[in-house]
Amino acid sequence: MDNPAASTVNSISPSHFVYSYAIRSFLLLPSLHSILFSIRSLNLSPSREHVNSLRISTQSIFIRIIHSSLLFIIEVLFLLVISLYDRNFFSSSSPLFP
């Protein structure tokens, strides 16, 4: 008898993996944009009257950079776990529901 999982593996084309990685990479764009926007905010040159507010603003920008970077790292780790799961799922030859 034919094994349904084996036929599933044979019917998956390499383009499936390309599309899934492209979609996952696209999901990382908001956090990359947030990190870059926060870094760009540091380059603003303020007037002398706003030195105290600048210090508070700089602290909040650094907090935003750290927060965005941590979210980016978590997203990358999450996508790596999904990628490993996909690889194990598609390479297994046992059916999901015996």
PDB file of N, CA and C in Angstrom:
ATOM      1  N   MET A   1       0.832  -1.181   0.000  1.00  0.00           N
ATOM      2  CA  MET A   1       0.000   0.000   0.000  1.00  0.00           C
ATOM      3  C   MET A   1       0.875   1.242   0.000  1.00  0.00           C
ATOM      4  N   ASP A   2       0.334   2.296  -0.537  1.00  0.00           N
ATOM      5  CA  ASP A   2       1.062   3.553  -0.574  1.00  0.00           C
ATOM      6  C   ASP A   2       1.050   4.216   0.791  1.00  0.00           C
ATOM      7  N   ASN A   3       2.169   4.797   1.114  1.00  0.00           N
ATOM      8  CA  ASN A   3       2.294   5.538   2.371  1.00  0.00           C
ATOM      9  C   ASN A   3       1.898   6.990   2.101  1.00  0.00           C
ATOM     10  N   PRO A   4       0.853   7.524   2.782  1.00  0.00           N
ATOM     11  CA  PRO A   4       0.405   8.889   2.480  1.00  0.00           C
ATOM     12  C   PRO A   4       1.458   9.944   2.794  1.00  0.00           C
ATOM     13  N   ALA A   5       2.242   9.721   3.829  1.00  0.00           N
ATOM     14  CA  ALA A   5       3.270  10.714   4.185  1.00  0.00           C
ATOM     15  C   ALA A   5       4.374  10.749   3.129  1.00  0.00           C
ATOM     16  N   ALA A   6       4.729   9.590   2.596  1.00  0.00           N
ATOM     17  CA  ALA A   6       5.768   9.546   1.571  1.00  0.00           C
ATOM     18  C   ALA A   6       5.296  10.248   0.299  1.00  0.00           C
ATOM     19  N   SER A   7       4.026  10.084  -0.049  1.00  0.00           N
ATOM     20  CA  SER A   7       3.523  10.771  -1.238  1.00  0.00           C
ATOM     21  C   SER A   7       3.464  12.272  -1.007  1.00  0.00           C
ATOM     22  N   THR A   8       3.219  12.694   0.238  1.00  0.00           N
ATOM     23  CA  THR A   8       3.222  14.125   0.544  1.00  0.00           C
ATOM     24  C   THR A   8       4.620  14.698   0.366  1.00  0.00           C
ATOM     25  N   VAL A   9       5.631  13.979   0.821  1.00  0.00           N
ATOM     26  CA  VAL A   9       7.006  14.448   0.684  1.00  0.00           C
ATOM     27  C   VAL A   9       7.373  14.575  -0.779  1.00  0.00           C
ATOM     28  N   ASN A  10       6.952  13.610  -1.601  1.00  0.00           N
ATOM     29  CA  ASN A  10       7.299  13.644  -3.016  1.00  0.00           C
ATOM     30  C   ASN A  10       6.564  14.754  -3.762  1.00  0.00           C
ATOM     31  N   SER A  11       5.382  15.169  -3.268  1.00  0.00           N
ATOM     32  CA  SER A  11       4.611  16.182  -3.985  1.00  0.00           C
ATOM     33  C   SER A  11       5.010  17.606  -3.622  1.00  0.00           C
ATOM     34  N   ILE A  12       5.852  17.796  -2.621  1.00  0.00           N
ATOM     35  CA  ILE A  12       6.263  19.144  -2.215  1.00  0.00           C
ATOM     36  C   ILE A  12       7.430  19.583  -3.083  1.00  0.00           C
ATOM     37  N   SER A  13       7.256  20.740  -3.690  1.00  0.00           N
ATOM     38  CA  SER A  13       8.317  21.253  -4.557  1.00  0.00           C
ATOM     39  C   SER A  13       9.242  22.165  -3.763  1.00  0.00           C
ATOM     40  N   PRO A  14      10.443  22.395  -4.273  1.00  0.00           N
ATOM     41  CA  PRO A  14      11.362  23.316  -3.587  1.00  0.00           C
ATOM     42  C   PRO A  14      10.803  24.728  -3.473  1.00  0.00           C
ATOM     43  N   SER A  15       9.892  25.099  -4.373  1.00  0.00           N
ATOM     44  CA  SER A  15       9.329  26.447  -4.302  1.00  0.00           C
ATOM     45  C   SER A  15       8.504  26.637  -3.030  1.00  0.00           C
ATOM     46  N   HIS A  16       7.952  25.547  -2.475  1.00  0.00           N
ATOM     47  CA  HIS A  16       7.221  25.644  -1.213  1.00  0.00           C
ATOM     48  C   HIS A  16       8.125  26.212  -0.125  1.00  0.00           C
ATOM     49  N   PHE A  17       9.358  25.730  -0.056  1.00  0.00           N
ATOM     50  CA  PHE A  17      10.277  26.197   0.965  1.00  0.00           C
ATOM     51  C   PHE A  17      10.712  27.636   0.697  1.00  0.00           C
ATOM     52  N   VAL A  18      10.875  27.971  -0.577  1.00  0.00           N
ATOM     53  CA  VAL A  18      11.265  29.344  -0.923  1.00  0.00           C
ATOM     54  C   VAL A  18      10.166  30.304  -0.500  1.00  0.00           C
ATOM     55  N   TYR A  19       8.913  29.973  -0.796  1.00  0.00           N
ATOM     56  CA  TYR A  19       7.807  30.842  -0.420  1.00  0.00           C
ATOM     57  C   TYR A  19       7.665  30.935   1.095  1.00  0.00           C
ATOM     58  N   SER A  20       7.816  29.813   1.798  1.00  0.00           N
ATOM     59  CA  SER A  20       7.650  29.857   3.244  1.00  0.00           C
ATOM     60  C   SER A  20       8.755  30.690   3.895  1.00  0.00           C
ATOM     61  N   TYR A  21      10.000  30.579   3.405  1.00  0.00           N
ATOM     62  CA  TYR A  21      11.076  31.405   3.950  1.00  0.00           C
ATOM     63  C   TYR A  21      10.887  32.873   3.590  1.00  0.00           C
ATOM     64  N   ALA A  22      10.359  33.149   2.399  1.00  0.00           N
ATOM     65  CA  ALA A  22      10.112  34.539   2.006  1.00  0.00           C
ATOM     66  C   ALA A  22       9.042  35.166   2.896  1.00  0.00           C
ATOM     67  N   ILE A  23       7.993  34.409   3.175  1.00  0.00           N
ATOM     68  CA  ILE A  23       6.932  34.926   4.046  1.00  0.00           C
ATOM     69  C   ILE A  23       7.469  35.145   5.449  1.00  0.00           C
ATOM     70  N   ARG A  24       8.257  34.219   5.944  1.00  0.00           N
ATOM     71  CA  ARG A  24       8.818  34.367   7.292  1.00  0.00           C
ATOM     72  C   ARG A  24       9.774  35.549   7.365  1.00  0.00           C
ATOM     73  N   SER A  25      10.554  35.752   6.327  1.00  0.00           N
ATOM     74  CA  SER A  25      11.464  36.900   6.308  1.00  0.00           C
ATOM     75  C   SER A  25      10.682  38.205   6.263  1.00  0.00           C
ATOM     76  N   PHE A  26       9.577  38.209   5.533  1.00  0.00           N
ATOM     77  CA  PHE A  26       8.738  39.402   5.459  1.00  0.00           C
ATOM     78  C   PHE A  26       8.169  39.751   6.829  1.00  0.00           C
ATOM     79  N   LEU A  27       7.933  38.747   7.659  1.00  0.00           N
ATOM     80  CA  LEU A  27       7.395  38.989   9.002  1.00  0.00           C
ATOM     81  C   LEU A  27       8.398  39.721   9.894  1.00  0.00           C
ATOM     82  N   LEU A  28       9.670  39.661   9.556  1.00  0.00           N
ATOM     83  CA  LEU A  28      10.695  40.327  10.362  1.00  0.00           C
ATOM     84  C   LEU A  28      10.843  41.807  10.029  1.00  0.00           C
ATOM     85  N   LEU A  29      10.272  42.269   8.929  1.00  0.00           N
ATOM     86  CA  LEU A  29      10.462  43.646   8.504  1.00  0.00           C
ATOM     87  C   LEU A  29       9.987  44.695   9.519  1.00  0.00           C
ATOM     88  N   PRO A  30       8.833  44.523  10.188  1.00  0.00           N
ATOM     89  CA  PRO A  30       8.421  45.554  11.149  1.00  0.00           C
ATOM     90  C   PRO A  30       9.424  45.758  12.278  1.00  0.00           C
ATOM     91  N   SER A  31       9.991  44.696  12.808  1.00  0.00           N
ATOM     92  CA  SER A  31      10.954  44.896  13.893  1.00  0.00           C
ATOM     93  C   SER A  31      12.247  45.508  13.383  1.00  0.00           C
ATOM     94  N   LEU A  32      12.675  45.139  12.167  1.00  0.00           N
ATOM     95  CA  LEU A  32      13.859  45.784  11.595  1.00  0.00           C
ATOM     96  C   LEU A  32      13.607  47.276  11.365  1.00  0.00           C
ATOM     97  N   HIS A  33      12.422  47.607  10.886  1.00  0.00           N
ATOM     98  CA  HIS A  33      12.074  49.005  10.667  1.00  0.00           C
ATOM     99  C   HIS A  33      12.066  49.770  11.985  1.00  0.00           C
ATOM    100  N   SER A  34      11.539  49.166  13.026  1.00  0.00           N
ATOM    101  CA  SER A  34      11.496  49.825  14.336  1.00  0.00           C
ATOM    102  C   SER A  34      12.899  50.081  14.872  1.00  0.00           C
ATOM    103  N   ILE A  35      13.787  49.104  14.707  1.00  0.00           N
ATOM    104  CA  ILE A  35      15.177  49.275  15.168  1.00  0.00           C
ATOM    105  C   ILE A  35      15.841  50.411  14.393  1.00  0.00           C
ATOM    106  N   LEU A  36      15.696  50.404  13.069  1.00  0.00           N
ATOM    107  CA  LEU A  36      16.342  51.437  12.252  1.00  0.00           C
ATOM    108  C   LEU A  36      15.757  52.822  12.528  1.00  0.00           C
ATOM    109  N   PHE A  37      14.450  52.904  12.730  1.00  0.00           N
ATOM    110  CA  PHE A  37      13.827  54.184  13.035  1.00  0.00           C
ATOM    111  C   PHE A  37      14.317  54.721  14.371  1.00  0.00           C
ATOM    112  N   SER A  38      14.480  53.851  15.362  1.00  0.00           N
ATOM    113  CA  SER A  38      14.966  54.280  16.668  1.00  0.00           C
ATOM    114  C   SER A  38      16.406  54.767  16.584  1.00  0.00           C
ATOM    115  N   ILE A  39      17.227  54.090  15.809  1.00  0.00           N
ATOM    116  CA  ILE A  39      18.619  54.509  15.659  1.00  0.00           C
ATOM    117  C   ILE A  39      18.685  55.850  14.923  1.00  0.00           C
ATOM    118  N   ARG A  40      17.856  56.015  13.926  1.00  0.00           N
ATOM    119  CA  ARG A  40      17.847  57.277  13.176  1.00  0.00           C
ATOM    120  C   ARG A  40      17.387  58.443  14.059  1.00  0.00           C
ATOM    121  N   SER A  41      16.524  58.167  15.031  1.00  0.00           N
ATOM    122  CA  SER A  41      16.038  59.206  15.933  1.00  0.00           C
ATOM    123  C   SER A  41      17.155  59.767  16.797  1.00  0.00           C
ATOM    124  N   LEU A  42      18.210  59.004  17.008  1.00  0.00           N
ATOM    125  CA  LEU A  42      19.329  59.479  17.816  1.00  0.00           C
ATOM    126  C   LEU A  42      20.110  60.595  17.134  1.00  0.00           C
ATOM    127  N   ASN A  43      20.026  60.686  15.823  1.00  0.00           N
ATOM    128  CA  ASN A  43      20.836  61.646  15.079  1.00  0.00           C
ATOM    129  C   ASN A  43      20.221  63.040  15.011  1.00  0.00           C
ATOM    130  N   LEU A  44      19.111  63.272  15.682  1.00  0.00           N
ATOM    131  CA  LEU A  44      18.492  64.596  15.659  1.00  0.00           C
ATOM    132  C   LEU A  44      19.333  65.569  16.473  1.00  0.00           C
ATOM    133  N   SER A  45      19.539  66.755  15.958  1.00  0.00           N
ATOM    134  CA  SER A  45      20.325  67.751  16.692  1.00  0.00           C
ATOM    135  C   SER A  45      19.370  68.754  17.351  1.00  0.00           C
ATOM    136  N   PRO A  46      19.264  68.737  18.652  1.00  0.00           N
ATOM    137  CA  PRO A  46      18.297  69.592  19.346  1.00  0.00           C
ATOM    138  C   PRO A  46      18.867  70.984  19.629  1.00  0.00           C
ATOM    139  N   SER A  47      18.003  71.888  19.998  1.00  0.00           N
ATOM    140  CA  SER A  47      18.445  73.209  20.437  1.00  0.00           C
ATOM    141  C   SER A  47      18.864  73.126  21.908  1.00  0.00           C
ATOM    142  N   ARG A  48      19.472  74.195  22.418  1.00  0.00           N
ATOM    143  CA  ARG A  48      19.987  74.195  23.795  1.00  0.00           C
ATOM    144  C   ARG A  48      18.868  74.128  24.833  1.00  0.00           C
ATOM    145  N   GLU A  49      17.697  74.606  24.502  1.00  0.00           N
ATOM    146  CA  GLU A  49      16.593  74.615  25.476  1.00  0.00           C
ATOM    147  C   GLU A  49      16.070  73.214  25.784  1.00  0.00           C
ATOM    148  N   HIS A  50      16.325  72.283  24.907  1.00  0.00           N
ATOM    149  CA  HIS A  50      15.732  70.952  25.069  1.00  0.00           C
ATOM    150  C   HIS A  50      16.737  69.906  25.522  1.00  0.00           C
ATOM    151  N   VAL A  51      17.773  70.327  26.246  1.00  0.00           N
ATOM    152  CA  VAL A  51      18.806  69.369  26.655  1.00  0.00           C
ATOM    153  C   VAL A  51      18.248  68.361  27.655  1.00  0.00           C
ATOM    154  N   ASN A  52      17.471  68.816  28.628  1.00  0.00           N
ATOM    155  CA  ASN A  52      16.896  67.888  29.615  1.00  0.00           C
ATOM    156  C   ASN A  52      15.902  66.939  28.970  1.00  0.00           C
ATOM    157  N   SER A  53      15.068  67.470  28.107  1.00  0.00           N
ATOM    158  CA  SER A  53      14.115  66.589  27.431  1.00  0.00           C
ATOM    159  C   SER A  53      14.831  65.637  26.485  1.00  0.00           C
ATOM    160  N   LEU A  54      15.977  66.109  25.950  1.00  0.00           N
ATOM    161  CA  LEU A  54      16.755  65.231  25.078  1.00  0.00           C
ATOM    162  C   LEU A  54      17.280  64.024  25.846  1.00  0.00           C
ATOM    163  N   ARG A  55      17.732  64.247  27.077  1.00  0.00           N
ATOM    164  CA  ARG A  55      18.251  63.140  27.870  1.00  0.00           C
ATOM    165  C   ARG A  55      17.164  62.103  28.108  1.00  0.00           C
ATOM    166  N   ILE A  56      15.979  62.574  28.454  1.00  0.00           N
ATOM    167  CA  ILE A  56      14.854  61.648  28.655  1.00  0.00           C
ATOM    168  C   ILE A  56      14.487  60.982  27.331  1.00  0.00           C
ATOM    169  N   SER A  57      14.490  61.764  26.269  1.00  0.00           N
ATOM    170  CA  SER A  57      14.160  61.229  24.952  1.00  0.00           C
ATOM    171  C   SER A  57      15.186  60.186  24.517  1.00  0.00           C
ATOM    172  N   THR A  58      16.470  60.474  24.777  1.00  0.00           N
ATOM    173  CA  THR A  58      17.521  59.525  24.407  1.00  0.00           C
ATOM    174  C   THR A  58      17.375  58.228  25.180  1.00  0.00           C
ATOM    175  N   GLN A  59      17.029  58.337  26.461  1.00  0.00           N
ATOM    176  CA  GLN A  59      16.826  57.122  27.254  1.00  0.00           C
ATOM    177  C   GLN A  59      15.660  56.309  26.702  1.00  0.00           C
ATOM    178  N   SER A  60      14.579  56.984  26.354  1.00  0.00           N
ATOM    179  CA  SER A  60      13.437  56.245  25.810  1.00  0.00           C
ATOM    180  C   SER A  60      13.766  55.635  24.450  1.00  0.00           C
ATOM    181  N   ILE A  61      14.602  56.336  23.666  1.00  0.00           N
ATOM    182  CA  ILE A  61      14.997  55.782  22.365  1.00  0.00           C
ATOM    183  C   ILE A  61      15.851  54.533  22.561  1.00  0.00           C
ATOM    184  N   PHE A  62      16.790  54.593  23.518  1.00  0.00           N
ATOM    185  CA  PHE A  62      17.608  53.405  23.790  1.00  0.00           C
ATOM    186  C   PHE A  62      16.746  52.242  24.289  1.00  0.00           C
ATOM    187  N   ILE A  63      15.771  52.549  25.111  1.00  0.00           N
ATOM    188  CA  ILE A  63      14.857  51.496  25.583  1.00  0.00           C
ATOM    189  C   ILE A  63      14.094  50.911  24.397  1.00  0.00           C
ATOM    190  N   ARG A  64      13.686  51.781  23.476  1.00  0.00           N
ATOM    191  CA  ARG A  64      12.981  51.301  22.289  1.00  0.00           C
ATOM    192  C   ARG A  64      13.877  50.438  21.415  1.00  0.00           C
ATOM    193  N   ILE A  65      15.139  50.835  21.274  1.00  0.00           N
ATOM    194  CA  ILE A  65      16.090  50.046  20.479  1.00  0.00           C
ATOM    195  C   ILE A  65      16.290  48.670  21.112  1.00  0.00           C
ATOM    196  N   ILE A  66      16.490  48.639  22.423  1.00  0.00           N
ATOM    197  CA  ILE A  66      16.680  47.359  23.115  1.00  0.00           C
ATOM    198  C   ILE A  66      15.430  46.499  22.987  1.00  0.00           C
ATOM    199  N   HIS A  67      14.267  47.107  23.184  1.00  0.00           N
ATOM    200  CA  HIS A  67      13.008  46.363  23.077  1.00  0.00           C
ATOM    201  C   HIS A  67      12.818  45.801  21.670  1.00  0.00           C
ATOM    202  N   SER A  68      13.053  46.627  20.667  1.00  0.00           N
ATOM    203  CA  SER A  68      12.898  46.165  19.282  1.00  0.00           C
ATOM    204  C   SER A  68      13.908  45.073  18.949  1.00  0.00           C
ATOM    205  N   SER A  69      15.132  45.215  19.455  1.00  0.00           N
ATOM    206  CA  SER A  69      16.156  44.202  19.195  1.00  0.00           C
ATOM    207  C   SER A  69      15.789  42.873  19.845  1.00  0.00           C
ATOM    208  N   LEU A  70      15.276  42.925  21.063  1.00  0.00           N
ATOM    209  CA  LEU A  70      14.854  41.688  21.735  1.00  0.00           C
ATOM    210  C   LEU A  70      13.697  41.035  20.994  1.00  0.00           C
ATOM    211  N   LEU A  71      12.744  41.840  20.546  1.00  0.00           N
ATOM    212  CA  LEU A  71      11.643  41.273  19.764  1.00  0.00           C
ATOM    213  C   LEU A  71      12.147  40.643  18.469  1.00  0.00           C
ATOM    214  N   PHE A  72      13.104  41.298  17.832  1.00  0.00           N
ATOM    215  CA  PHE A  72      13.671  40.758  16.599  1.00  0.00           C
ATOM    216  C   PHE A  72      14.352  39.414  16.863  1.00  0.00           C
ATOM    217  N   ILE A  73      15.125  39.328  17.939  1.00  0.00           N
ATOM    218  CA  ILE A  73      15.808  38.070  18.282  1.00  0.00           C
ATOM    219  C   ILE A  73      14.794  36.978  18.580  1.00  0.00           C
ATOM    220  N   ILE A  74      13.734  37.316  19.308  1.00  0.00           N
ATOM    221  CA  ILE A  74      12.694  36.326  19.609  1.00  0.00           C
ATOM    222  C   ILE A  74      12.026  35.856  18.324  1.00  0.00           C
ATOM    223  N   GLU A  75      11.739  36.787  17.395  1.00  0.00           N
ATOM    224  CA  GLU A  75      11.124  36.394  16.129  1.00  0.00           C
ATOM    225  C   GLU A  75      12.037  35.491  15.310  1.00  0.00           C
ATOM    226  N   VAL A  76      13.326  35.807  15.284  1.00  0.00           N
ATOM    227  CA  VAL A  76      14.269  34.974  14.535  1.00  0.00           C
ATOM    228  C   VAL A  76      14.326  33.573  15.136  1.00  0.00           C
ATOM    229  N   LEU A  77      14.394  33.489  16.461  1.00  0.00           N
ATOM    230  CA  LEU A  77      14.416  32.168  17.110  1.00  0.00           C
ATOM    231  C   LEU A  77      13.128  31.399  16.834  1.00  0.00           C
ATOM    232  N   PHE A  78      12.004  32.101  16.876  1.00  0.00           N
ATOM    233  CA  PHE A  78      10.719  31.462  16.588  1.00  0.00           C
ATOM    234  C   PHE A  78      10.691  30.922  15.162  1.00  0.00           C
ATOM    235  N   LEU A  79      11.193  31.711  14.209  1.00  0.00           N
ATOM    236  CA  LEU A  79      11.212  31.252  12.824  1.00  0.00           C
ATOM    237  C   LEU A  79      12.175  30.092  12.618  1.00  0.00           C
ATOM    238  N   LEU A  80      13.280  30.082  13.359  1.00  0.00           N
ATOM    239  CA  LEU A  80      14.198  28.942  13.275  1.00  0.00           C
ATOM    240  C   LEU A  80      13.541  27.668  13.789  1.00  0.00           C
ATOM    241  N   VAL A  81      12.797  27.784  14.880  1.00  0.00           N
ATOM    242  CA  VAL A  81      12.094  26.616  15.420  1.00  0.00           C
ATOM    243  C   VAL A  81      11.065  26.120  14.415  1.00  0.00           C
ATOM    244  N   ILE A  82      10.324  27.048  13.804  1.00  0.00           N
ATOM    245  CA  ILE A  82       9.341  26.640  12.790  1.00  0.00           C
ATOM    246  C   ILE A  82      10.033  25.970  11.611  1.00  0.00           C
ATOM    247  N   SER A  83      11.169  26.513  11.194  1.00  0.00           N
ATOM    248  CA  SER A  83      11.900  25.926  10.069  1.00  0.00           C
ATOM    249  C   SER A  83      12.366  24.510  10.391  1.00  0.00           C
ATOM    250  N   LEU A  84      12.873  24.317  11.609  1.00  0.00           N
ATOM    251  CA  LEU A  84      13.295  22.972  12.010  1.00  0.00           C
ATOM    252  C   LEU A  84      12.105  22.025  12.073  1.00  0.00           C
ATOM    253  N   TYR A  85      10.978  22.528  12.567  1.00  0.00           N
ATOM    254  CA  TYR A  85       9.774  21.701  12.623  1.00  0.00           C
ATOM    255  C   TYR A  85       9.332  21.314  11.217  1.00  0.00           C
ATOM    256  N   ASP A  86       9.335  22.271  10.289  1.00  0.00           N
ATOM    257  CA  ASP A  86       8.961  21.977   8.900  1.00  0.00           C
ATOM    258  C   ASP A  86       9.884  20.927   8.302  1.00  0.00           C
ATOM    259  N   ARG A  87      11.169  21.090   8.529  1.00  0.00           N
ATOM    260  CA  ARG A  87      12.138  20.153   7.963  1.00  0.00           C
ATOM    261  C   ARG A  87      11.885  18.746   8.520  1.00  0.00           C
ATOM    262  N   ASN A  88      11.643  18.638   9.834  1.00  0.00           N
ATOM    263  CA  ASN A  88      11.381  17.327  10.431  1.00  0.00           C
ATOM    264  C   ASN A  88      10.034  16.781   9.980  1.00  0.00           C
ATOM    265  N   PHE A  89       9.048  17.648   9.825  1.00  0.00           N
ATOM    266  CA  PHE A  89       7.724  17.204   9.423  1.00  0.00           C
ATOM    267  C   PHE A  89       7.743  16.651   8.004  1.00  0.00           C
ATOM    268  N   PHE A  90       8.407  17.368   7.085  1.00  0.00           N
ATOM    269  CA  PHE A  90       8.393  16.927   5.699  1.00  0.00           C
ATOM    270  C   PHE A  90       9.363  15.792   5.425  1.00  0.00           C
ATOM    271  N   SER A  91      10.337  15.574   6.315  1.00  0.00           N
ATOM    272  CA  SER A  91      11.273  14.489   6.064  1.00  0.00           C
ATOM    273  C   SER A  91      10.830  13.188   6.727  1.00  0.00           C
ATOM    274  N   SER A  92       9.844  13.255   7.615  1.00  0.00           N
ATOM    275  CA  SER A  92       9.404  12.021   8.272  1.00  0.00           C
ATOM    276  C   SER A  92       8.563  11.204   7.295  1.00  0.00           C
ATOM    277  N   SER A  93       8.679   9.899   7.413  1.00  0.00           N
ATOM    278  CA  SER A  93       7.918   9.041   6.498  1.00  0.00           C
ATOM    279  C   SER A  93       6.749   8.369   7.208  1.00  0.00           C
ATOM    280  N   SER A  94       6.544   8.693   8.486  1.00  0.00           N
ATOM    281  CA  SER A  94       5.415   8.095   9.196  1.00  0.00           C
ATOM    282  C   SER A  94       4.202   9.016   9.072  1.00  0.00           C
ATOM    283  N   PRO A  95       3.018   8.446   8.940  1.00  0.00           N
ATOM    284  CA  PRO A  95       1.816   9.271   8.821  1.00  0.00           C
ATOM    285  C   PRO A  95       1.532  10.009  10.134  1.00  0.00           C
ATOM    286  N   LEU A  96       0.862  11.139  10.031  1.00  0.00           N
ATOM    287  CA  LEU A  96       0.543  11.909  11.236  1.00  0.00           C
ATOM    288  C   LEU A  96      -0.473  11.195  12.117  1.00  0.00           C
ATOM    289  N   PHE A  97      -1.499  10.662  11.494  1.00  0.00           N
ATOM    290  CA  PHE A  97      -2.545   9.977  12.242  1.00  0.00           C
ATOM    291  C   PHE A  97      -2.604   8.524  11.803  1.00  0.00           C
ATOM    292  N   PRO A  98      -1.953   7.647  12.552  1.00  0.00           N
ATOM    293  CA  PRO A  98      -1.926   6.234  12.119  1.00  0.00           C
ATOM    294  C   PRO A  98      -3.284   5.567  12.236  1.00  0.00           C
TER     295      PRO A  98
END
